[in-house]
């Protein structure tokens, strides 16, 4: 079984994904890290050198490759991955999808405490610009995220809750 974690950057996909994979004894794949390794460049470099459209094509190719390569894995996607090329439909057909719906205020707090330069869509933005970007981006992406099989709401979604939901399905 493949488990896809989707949601905004800073929603905890990678942290929860690693924990869940460890508990289930599944492989863990961070789609951004997989793409970086595959392309030999950072996400920021790919955005800068290829542009967002080509980046999204490479991201789709990486998603398809991960599905081919892993039968049992917890996959943490980039925040925009579900929103292009019907990737959310692809993920729903090839595994279970969970939308981590964390409030924008909490995401903003987490992101502002990190290095924004590694996030091409946030690099160089002020605190107010980060919050405005997150609100605007989430309003566009929510329609894709809500196509996930399961939506989890809250500031502190736990790996225990994820595992319970998996066990009940």
N, C-alpha and C. Protein backbone atom coordinates (compact mmCIF):
# COMPACT_ATOMS: atom_id res chain seq x y z
N UNK A 1 0.84 -1.19 0.00
CA UNK A 1 0.00 0.00 0.00
C UNK A 1 0.89 1.25 0.00
N UNK A 2 0.47 2.22 -0.77
CA UNK A 2 1.14 3.53 -0.78
C UNK A 2 0.26 4.53 -0.03
N UNK A 3 0.89 5.37 0.76
CA UNK A 3 0.20 6.39 1.52
C UNK A 3 0.78 7.73 1.11
N UNK A 4 -0.06 8.61 0.59
CA UNK A 4 0.37 9.93 0.14
C UNK A 4 -0.10 10.98 1.14
N UNK A 5 0.83 11.79 1.61
CA UNK A 5 0.50 12.91 2.50
C UNK A 5 0.58 14.18 1.68
N UNK A 6 -0.53 14.92 1.66
CA UNK A 6 -0.59 16.15 0.89
C UNK A 6 -1.01 17.31 1.78
N UNK A 7 -0.71 18.51 1.33
CA UNK A 7 -1.08 19.71 2.07
C UNK A 7 -0.06 20.79 1.80
N UNK A 8 -0.28 21.92 2.42
CA UNK A 8 0.59 23.07 2.23
C UNK A 8 1.99 22.79 2.78
N UNK A 9 2.96 23.51 2.24
CA UNK A 9 4.30 23.45 2.82
C UNK A 9 4.18 23.83 4.28
N UNK A 10 4.93 23.15 5.13
CA UNK A 10 4.89 23.45 6.56
C UNK A 10 3.77 22.76 7.31
N UNK A 11 2.99 21.92 6.64
CA UNK A 11 1.87 21.25 7.32
C UNK A 11 2.30 19.99 8.08
N UNK A 12 3.54 19.57 7.90
CA UNK A 12 4.05 18.43 8.65
C UNK A 12 4.13 17.14 7.85
N UNK A 13 4.00 17.22 6.54
CA UNK A 13 3.99 16.02 5.70
C UNK A 13 5.26 15.19 5.87
N UNK A 14 6.40 15.83 5.84
CA UNK A 14 7.67 15.10 5.92
C UNK A 14 7.88 14.53 7.32
N UNK A 15 7.65 15.32 8.34
CA UNK A 15 7.83 14.85 9.72
C UNK A 15 6.91 13.68 10.02
N UNK A 16 5.61 13.84 9.74
CA UNK A 16 4.66 12.76 9.99
C UNK A 16 4.93 11.56 9.09
N UNK A 17 5.33 11.83 7.85
CA UNK A 17 5.61 10.75 6.91
C UNK A 17 6.73 9.85 7.39
N UNK A 18 7.82 10.47 7.87
CA UNK A 18 8.95 9.67 8.40
C UNK A 18 8.50 8.81 9.58
N UNK A 19 7.74 9.42 10.49
CA UNK A 19 7.28 8.70 11.68
C UNK A 19 6.35 7.54 11.31
N UNK A 20 5.42 7.81 10.40
CA UNK A 20 4.47 6.79 9.99
C UNK A 20 5.17 5.65 9.27
N UNK A 21 6.08 5.98 8.38
CA UNK A 21 6.83 4.95 7.64
C UNK A 21 7.60 4.06 8.62
N UNK A 22 8.19 4.68 9.62
CA UNK A 22 8.94 3.92 10.62
C UNK A 22 8.02 2.95 11.37
N UNK A 23 6.87 3.44 11.79
CA UNK A 23 5.91 2.60 12.52
C UNK A 23 5.39 1.44 11.68
N UNK A 24 5.16 1.72 10.40
CA UNK A 24 4.60 0.69 9.50
C UNK A 24 5.67 -0.20 8.89
N UNK A 25 6.93 0.21 9.08
CA UNK A 25 8.07 -0.44 8.44
C UNK A 25 7.94 -0.41 6.91
N UNK A 26 7.56 0.78 6.43
CA UNK A 26 7.46 1.07 5.00
C UNK A 26 8.63 1.96 4.62
N UNK A 27 8.90 2.04 3.34
CA UNK A 27 9.86 3.02 2.84
C UNK A 27 9.24 4.41 3.02
N UNK A 28 10.09 5.41 3.23
CA UNK A 28 9.62 6.79 3.25
C UNK A 28 10.23 7.51 2.06
N UNK A 29 9.39 8.23 1.32
CA UNK A 29 9.86 9.00 0.17
C UNK A 29 9.36 10.43 0.30
N UNK A 30 10.30 11.36 0.37
CA UNK A 30 9.96 12.77 0.28
C UNK A 30 10.08 13.10 -1.21
N UNK A 31 8.97 13.41 -1.85
CA UNK A 31 8.97 13.59 -3.31
C UNK A 31 9.93 14.70 -3.75
N UNK A 32 10.03 15.78 -2.97
CA UNK A 32 10.98 16.85 -3.32
C UNK A 32 12.42 16.34 -3.28
N UNK A 33 12.76 15.60 -2.22
CA UNK A 33 14.13 15.07 -2.10
C UNK A 33 14.40 14.06 -3.22
N UNK A 34 13.41 13.25 -3.54
CA UNK A 34 13.54 12.28 -4.62
C UNK A 34 13.80 13.00 -5.95
N UNK A 35 13.05 14.07 -6.19
CA UNK A 35 13.21 14.86 -7.41
C UNK A 35 14.58 15.52 -7.46
N UNK A 36 15.03 16.06 -6.33
CA UNK A 36 16.35 16.68 -6.28
C UNK A 36 17.44 15.68 -6.63
N UNK A 37 17.35 14.48 -6.05
CA UNK A 37 18.35 13.46 -6.32
C UNK A 37 18.30 13.02 -7.79
N UNK A 38 17.11 12.85 -8.29
CA UNK A 38 16.91 12.42 -9.68
C UNK A 38 17.46 13.44 -10.68
N UNK A 39 17.28 14.73 -10.38
CA UNK A 39 17.69 15.79 -11.30
C UNK A 39 19.08 16.36 -10.99
N UNK A 40 19.62 16.04 -9.81
CA UNK A 40 20.93 16.54 -9.45
C UNK A 40 20.96 18.03 -9.15
N UNK A 41 19.80 18.58 -8.80
CA UNK A 41 19.69 20.00 -8.47
C UNK A 41 18.65 20.18 -7.37
N UNK A 42 18.77 21.28 -6.63
CA UNK A 42 17.79 21.56 -5.57
C UNK A 42 16.48 22.02 -6.19
N UNK A 43 15.42 21.97 -5.39
CA UNK A 43 14.12 22.46 -5.84
C UNK A 43 14.25 23.93 -6.26
N UNK A 44 14.96 24.72 -5.46
CA UNK A 44 15.16 26.15 -5.79
C UNK A 44 15.85 26.30 -7.15
N UNK A 45 16.88 25.49 -7.40
CA UNK A 45 17.59 25.56 -8.68
C UNK A 45 16.68 25.12 -9.83
N UNK A 46 15.91 24.08 -9.62
CA UNK A 46 15.00 23.62 -10.67
C UNK A 46 13.98 24.70 -11.02
N UNK A 47 13.41 25.34 -10.00
CA UNK A 47 12.46 26.43 -10.23
C UNK A 47 13.14 27.56 -11.02
N UNK A 48 14.33 27.94 -10.57
CA UNK A 48 15.04 29.07 -11.17
C UNK A 48 15.48 28.76 -12.60
N UNK A 49 16.02 27.58 -12.82
CA UNK A 49 16.60 27.23 -14.12
C UNK A 49 15.57 26.72 -15.13
N UNK A 50 14.53 26.06 -14.65
CA UNK A 50 13.56 25.44 -15.56
C UNK A 50 12.23 26.18 -15.62
N UNK A 51 11.93 26.97 -14.58
CA UNK A 51 10.63 27.61 -14.51
C UNK A 51 9.62 26.69 -13.87
N UNK A 52 8.53 27.27 -13.37
CA UNK A 52 7.55 26.48 -12.63
C UNK A 52 6.87 25.43 -13.52
N UNK A 53 6.56 25.76 -14.77
CA UNK A 53 5.86 24.79 -15.62
C UNK A 53 6.68 23.52 -15.82
N UNK A 54 7.96 23.67 -16.16
CA UNK A 54 8.82 22.51 -16.36
C UNK A 54 9.05 21.78 -15.03
N UNK A 55 9.18 22.55 -13.95
CA UNK A 55 9.32 21.93 -12.63
C UNK A 55 8.14 21.00 -12.36
N UNK A 56 6.92 21.46 -12.66
CA UNK A 56 5.73 20.65 -12.40
C UNK A 56 5.72 19.39 -13.27
N UNK A 57 6.26 19.46 -14.48
CA UNK A 57 6.38 18.27 -15.33
C UNK A 57 7.36 17.28 -14.72
N UNK A 58 8.49 17.78 -14.25
CA UNK A 58 9.49 16.92 -13.62
C UNK A 58 8.93 16.29 -12.34
N UNK A 59 8.15 17.05 -11.62
CA UNK A 59 7.52 16.56 -10.39
C UNK A 59 6.57 15.41 -10.72
N UNK A 60 5.79 15.55 -11.78
CA UNK A 60 4.87 14.48 -12.19
C UNK A 60 5.66 13.23 -12.57
N UNK A 61 6.75 13.40 -13.33
CA UNK A 61 7.57 12.26 -13.72
C UNK A 61 8.14 11.56 -12.48
N UNK A 62 8.55 12.34 -11.49
CA UNK A 62 9.09 11.76 -10.26
C UNK A 62 7.98 11.01 -9.50
N UNK A 63 6.79 11.55 -9.47
CA UNK A 63 5.66 10.89 -8.81
C UNK A 63 5.38 9.55 -9.48
N UNK A 64 5.36 9.52 -10.79
CA UNK A 64 5.14 8.27 -11.51
C UNK A 64 6.25 7.26 -11.22
N UNK A 65 7.49 7.74 -11.18
CA UNK A 65 8.63 6.87 -10.91
C UNK A 65 8.55 6.28 -9.50
N UNK A 66 8.15 7.08 -8.52
CA UNK A 66 8.01 6.60 -7.15
C UNK A 66 6.96 5.50 -7.07
N UNK A 67 5.85 5.69 -7.76
CA UNK A 67 4.78 4.67 -7.75
C UNK A 67 5.28 3.38 -8.41
N UNK A 68 6.07 3.50 -9.46
CA UNK A 68 6.64 2.31 -10.10
C UNK A 68 7.64 1.59 -9.19
N UNK A 69 8.41 2.39 -8.46
CA UNK A 69 9.50 1.85 -7.66
C UNK A 69 9.07 1.28 -6.31
N UNK A 70 8.02 1.84 -5.72
CA UNK A 70 7.62 1.46 -4.35
C UNK A 70 6.20 0.94 -4.30
N UNK A 71 6.05 -0.27 -3.78
CA UNK A 71 4.72 -0.83 -3.57
C UNK A 71 4.19 -0.48 -2.19
N UNK A 72 5.11 -0.42 -1.22
CA UNK A 72 4.75 -0.04 0.15
C UNK A 72 5.60 1.16 0.53
N UNK A 73 4.96 2.32 0.64
CA UNK A 73 5.72 3.53 0.98
C UNK A 73 4.78 4.59 1.52
N UNK A 74 5.37 5.43 2.36
CA UNK A 74 4.70 6.66 2.77
C UNK A 74 5.39 7.75 1.97
N UNK A 75 4.60 8.51 1.21
CA UNK A 75 5.14 9.50 0.28
C UNK A 75 4.65 10.88 0.68
N UNK A 76 5.60 11.74 0.99
CA UNK A 76 5.32 13.13 1.31
C UNK A 76 5.49 13.93 0.03
N UNK A 77 4.42 14.56 -0.43
CA UNK A 77 4.51 15.32 -1.68
C UNK A 77 4.84 16.77 -1.42
N UNK A 78 5.30 17.45 -2.45
CA UNK A 78 5.44 18.90 -2.38
C UNK A 78 4.05 19.51 -2.29
N UNK A 79 3.96 20.71 -1.75
CA UNK A 79 2.65 21.34 -1.54
C UNK A 79 1.83 21.50 -2.81
N UNK A 80 2.48 21.77 -3.93
CA UNK A 80 1.75 21.98 -5.18
C UNK A 80 1.52 20.72 -5.99
N UNK A 81 2.18 19.64 -5.62
CA UNK A 81 2.12 18.42 -6.44
C UNK A 81 0.70 17.93 -6.76
N UNK A 82 -0.23 17.94 -5.80
CA UNK A 82 -1.57 17.42 -6.11
C UNK A 82 -2.35 18.29 -7.11
N UNK A 83 -1.88 19.48 -7.37
CA UNK A 83 -2.67 20.49 -8.09
C UNK A 83 -2.40 20.55 -9.59
N UNK A 84 -1.53 19.71 -10.09
CA UNK A 84 -1.16 19.77 -11.50
C UNK A 84 -1.33 18.39 -12.14
N UNK A 85 -1.67 18.35 -13.43
CA UNK A 85 -1.73 17.12 -14.23
C UNK A 85 -2.60 16.04 -13.61
N UNK A 86 -3.63 16.41 -12.90
CA UNK A 86 -4.48 15.46 -12.17
C UNK A 86 -3.66 14.52 -11.29
N UNK A 87 -2.61 15.06 -10.68
CA UNK A 87 -1.78 14.25 -9.78
C UNK A 87 -2.59 13.70 -8.61
N UNK A 88 -3.57 14.47 -8.13
CA UNK A 88 -4.37 13.98 -7.01
C UNK A 88 -5.17 12.75 -7.43
N UNK A 89 -5.68 12.74 -8.64
CA UNK A 89 -6.38 11.56 -9.15
C UNK A 89 -5.43 10.37 -9.27
N UNK A 90 -4.23 10.63 -9.76
CA UNK A 90 -3.20 9.59 -9.88
C UNK A 90 -2.88 9.00 -8.51
N UNK A 91 -2.70 9.87 -7.52
CA UNK A 91 -2.39 9.39 -6.17
C UNK A 91 -3.56 8.59 -5.59
N UNK A 92 -4.78 9.06 -5.80
CA UNK A 92 -5.95 8.34 -5.30
C UNK A 92 -6.07 6.95 -5.93
N UNK A 93 -5.67 6.83 -7.19
CA UNK A 93 -5.74 5.53 -7.87
C UNK A 93 -4.62 4.58 -7.41
N UNK A 94 -3.52 5.14 -6.90
CA UNK A 94 -2.36 4.32 -6.57
C UNK A 94 -2.05 4.23 -5.07
N UNK A 95 -2.98 4.66 -4.24
CA UNK A 95 -2.76 4.57 -2.81
C UNK A 95 -3.83 5.31 -2.03
N UNK A 96 -3.56 5.49 -0.75
CA UNK A 96 -4.45 6.24 0.13
C UNK A 96 -3.89 7.65 0.28
N UNK A 97 -4.76 8.65 0.21
CA UNK A 97 -4.32 10.04 0.30
C UNK A 97 -4.88 10.69 1.55
N UNK A 98 -4.02 11.45 2.22
CA UNK A 98 -4.38 12.17 3.44
C UNK A 98 -4.02 13.64 3.28
N UNK A 99 -5.00 14.51 3.42
CA UNK A 99 -4.78 15.96 3.38
C UNK A 99 -4.57 16.44 4.81
N UNK A 100 -3.39 16.98 5.09
CA UNK A 100 -3.09 17.55 6.40
C UNK A 100 -3.51 19.01 6.37
N UNK A 101 -4.70 19.28 6.88
CA UNK A 101 -5.30 20.62 6.83
C UNK A 101 -4.96 21.38 8.11
N UNK A 102 -3.80 21.99 8.10
CA UNK A 102 -3.29 22.74 9.25
C UNK A 102 -3.63 24.22 9.04
N UNK A 103 -4.09 24.92 10.10
CA UNK A 103 -4.43 26.33 9.95
C UNK A 103 -3.25 27.16 9.44
N UNK A 104 -3.56 28.14 8.60
CA UNK A 104 -2.53 29.00 7.99
C UNK A 104 -1.68 29.69 9.06
N UNK A 105 -2.27 30.07 10.16
CA UNK A 105 -1.51 30.74 11.22
C UNK A 105 -0.39 29.83 11.74
N UNK A 106 -0.70 28.54 11.91
CA UNK A 106 0.29 27.59 12.39
C UNK A 106 1.35 27.31 11.32
N UNK A 107 0.92 27.16 10.08
CA UNK A 107 1.88 26.94 8.99
C UNK A 107 2.83 28.13 8.89
N UNK A 108 2.27 29.31 8.96
CA UNK A 108 3.08 30.53 8.88
C UNK A 108 4.11 30.57 10.00
N UNK A 109 3.68 30.25 11.22
CA UNK A 109 4.60 30.24 12.37
C UNK A 109 5.75 29.27 12.12
N UNK A 110 5.41 28.07 11.66
CA UNK A 110 6.44 27.06 11.39
C UNK A 110 7.41 27.51 10.30
N UNK A 111 6.87 28.03 9.23
CA UNK A 111 7.72 28.43 8.10
C UNK A 111 8.61 29.61 8.45
N UNK A 112 8.07 30.57 9.18
CA UNK A 112 8.86 31.76 9.54
C UNK A 112 10.00 31.39 10.50
N UNK A 113 9.88 30.26 11.17
CA UNK A 113 10.94 29.79 12.07
C UNK A 113 11.99 28.98 11.32
N UNK A 114 11.79 28.79 10.01
CA UNK A 114 12.71 28.00 9.19
C UNK A 114 13.42 28.91 8.18
N UNK A 115 14.25 28.30 7.35
CA UNK A 115 14.97 29.03 6.30
C UNK A 115 14.08 29.14 5.06
N UNK A 116 13.54 30.32 4.82
CA UNK A 116 12.64 30.51 3.69
C UNK A 116 13.36 30.45 2.35
N UNK A 117 14.68 30.62 2.35
CA UNK A 117 15.42 30.64 1.09
C UNK A 117 15.39 29.29 0.37
N UNK A 118 15.15 28.21 1.11
CA UNK A 118 15.09 26.89 0.47
C UNK A 118 13.72 26.63 -0.16
N UNK A 119 12.80 27.56 0.03
CA UNK A 119 11.45 27.43 -0.51
C UNK A 119 11.26 28.51 -1.57
N UNK A 120 11.38 28.14 -2.84
CA UNK A 120 11.37 29.13 -3.92
C UNK A 120 10.15 30.06 -3.91
N UNK A 121 9.01 29.56 -3.50
CA UNK A 121 7.81 30.39 -3.53
C UNK A 121 7.75 31.39 -2.36
N UNK A 122 8.64 31.22 -1.37
CA UNK A 122 8.64 32.11 -0.20
C UNK A 122 9.91 32.95 -0.06
N UNK A 123 10.94 32.61 -0.78
CA UNK A 123 12.23 33.29 -0.63
C UNK A 123 12.08 34.80 -0.78
N UNK A 124 12.64 35.53 0.18
CA UNK A 124 12.63 36.99 0.13
C UNK A 124 11.35 37.65 0.59
N UNK A 125 10.36 36.89 1.04
CA UNK A 125 9.09 37.48 1.48
C UNK A 125 9.15 37.87 2.96
N UNK A 126 8.43 38.94 3.29
CA UNK A 126 8.29 39.37 4.68
C UNK A 126 7.24 38.48 5.37
N UNK A 127 7.12 38.63 6.69
CA UNK A 127 6.14 37.85 7.45
C UNK A 127 4.73 38.06 6.90
N UNK A 128 4.37 39.31 6.62
CA UNK A 128 3.03 39.61 6.10
C UNK A 128 2.85 39.01 4.70
N UNK A 129 3.89 39.07 3.88
CA UNK A 129 3.82 38.51 2.53
C UNK A 129 3.71 36.99 2.58
N UNK A 130 4.39 36.37 3.53
CA UNK A 130 4.29 34.91 3.68
C UNK A 130 2.85 34.53 4.03
N UNK A 131 2.26 35.22 4.99
CA UNK A 131 0.88 34.92 5.40
C UNK A 131 -0.09 35.13 4.24
N UNK A 132 0.08 36.24 3.51
CA UNK A 132 -0.80 36.52 2.36
C UNK A 132 -0.63 35.45 1.28
N UNK A 133 0.61 35.06 1.02
CA UNK A 133 0.88 34.02 0.03
C UNK A 133 0.19 32.72 0.43
N UNK A 134 0.34 32.33 1.71
CA UNK A 134 -0.25 31.08 2.18
C UNK A 134 -1.77 31.09 2.05
N UNK A 135 -2.41 32.19 2.44
CA UNK A 135 -3.87 32.29 2.35
C UNK A 135 -4.32 32.20 0.89
N UNK A 136 -3.65 32.94 0.02
CA UNK A 136 -4.01 32.96 -1.40
C UNK A 136 -3.78 31.59 -2.03
N UNK A 137 -2.62 31.00 -1.75
CA UNK A 137 -2.27 29.71 -2.35
C UNK A 137 -3.22 28.62 -1.87
N UNK A 138 -3.50 28.61 -0.58
CA UNK A 138 -4.41 27.59 -0.04
C UNK A 138 -5.80 27.74 -0.65
N UNK A 139 -6.25 28.96 -0.88
CA UNK A 139 -7.58 29.15 -1.46
C UNK A 139 -7.64 28.54 -2.87
N UNK A 140 -6.55 28.55 -3.61
CA UNK A 140 -6.50 27.92 -4.94
C UNK A 140 -6.32 26.41 -4.86
N UNK A 141 -5.52 25.96 -3.91
CA UNK A 141 -5.17 24.53 -3.84
C UNK A 141 -6.19 23.68 -3.12
N UNK A 142 -7.00 24.29 -2.28
CA UNK A 142 -7.93 23.53 -1.43
C UNK A 142 -8.82 22.59 -2.26
N UNK A 143 -9.26 23.03 -3.43
CA UNK A 143 -10.13 22.19 -4.27
C UNK A 143 -9.45 20.86 -4.65
N UNK A 144 -8.13 20.87 -4.78
CA UNK A 144 -7.38 19.65 -5.08
C UNK A 144 -7.14 18.83 -3.81
N UNK A 145 -6.71 19.53 -2.77
CA UNK A 145 -6.43 18.85 -1.50
C UNK A 145 -7.67 18.12 -0.98
N UNK A 146 -8.84 18.73 -1.16
CA UNK A 146 -10.06 18.14 -0.62
C UNK A 146 -10.52 16.91 -1.40
N UNK A 147 -9.83 16.59 -2.47
CA UNK A 147 -10.12 15.35 -3.20
C UNK A 147 -9.39 14.16 -2.58
N UNK A 148 -8.60 14.41 -1.55
CA UNK A 148 -7.92 13.32 -0.84
C UNK A 148 -8.96 12.41 -0.21
N UNK A 149 -8.58 11.16 -0.02
CA UNK A 149 -9.49 10.21 0.61
C UNK A 149 -9.88 10.58 2.02
N UNK A 150 -8.94 11.18 2.76
CA UNK A 150 -9.16 11.55 4.15
C UNK A 150 -8.56 12.93 4.40
N UNK A 151 -9.29 13.76 5.13
CA UNK A 151 -8.79 15.07 5.53
C UNK A 151 -8.64 15.09 7.04
N UNK A 152 -7.47 15.52 7.50
CA UNK A 152 -7.20 15.66 8.93
C UNK A 152 -7.04 17.15 9.24
N UNK A 153 -7.80 17.65 10.20
CA UNK A 153 -7.78 19.06 10.55
C UNK A 153 -7.05 19.27 11.88
N UNK A 154 -6.33 20.39 11.99
CA UNK A 154 -5.78 20.77 13.28
C UNK A 154 -4.33 21.19 13.22
N UNK A 155 -3.88 21.73 14.34
CA UNK A 155 -2.50 22.22 14.45
C UNK A 155 -1.51 21.12 14.76
N UNK A 156 -1.99 20.07 15.41
CA UNK A 156 -1.05 19.01 15.83
C UNK A 156 -1.61 17.64 15.46
N UNK A 157 -1.55 17.34 14.18
CA UNK A 157 -1.98 16.04 13.68
C UNK A 157 -0.91 15.03 14.07
N UNK A 158 -1.33 13.94 14.67
CA UNK A 158 -0.36 12.97 15.19
C UNK A 158 -0.21 11.77 14.29
N UNK A 159 0.95 11.14 14.38
CA UNK A 159 1.19 9.90 13.66
C UNK A 159 0.27 8.80 14.20
N UNK A 160 -0.05 8.87 15.47
CA UNK A 160 -0.95 7.90 16.09
C UNK A 160 -2.33 7.97 15.42
N UNK A 161 -2.83 9.19 15.19
CA UNK A 161 -4.12 9.37 14.52
C UNK A 161 -4.06 8.82 13.10
N UNK A 162 -3.01 9.12 12.38
CA UNK A 162 -2.85 8.59 11.02
C UNK A 162 -2.89 7.06 11.01
N UNK A 163 -2.17 6.47 11.94
CA UNK A 163 -2.11 5.01 12.01
C UNK A 163 -3.48 4.42 12.37
N UNK A 164 -4.20 5.06 13.27
CA UNK A 164 -5.54 4.59 13.62
C UNK A 164 -6.48 4.63 12.40
N UNK A 165 -6.39 5.71 11.64
CA UNK A 165 -7.23 5.82 10.45
C UNK A 165 -6.89 4.74 9.43
N UNK A 166 -5.62 4.45 9.28
CA UNK A 166 -5.20 3.39 8.35
C UNK A 166 -5.71 2.02 8.81
N UNK A 167 -5.65 1.79 10.10
CA UNK A 167 -6.08 0.50 10.65
C UNK A 167 -7.59 0.32 10.53
N UNK A 168 -8.35 1.43 10.51
CA UNK A 168 -9.81 1.35 10.43
C UNK A 168 -10.29 1.21 8.99
N UNK A 169 -9.39 1.36 8.02
CA UNK A 169 -9.80 1.26 6.60
C UNK A 169 -9.43 -0.07 6.01
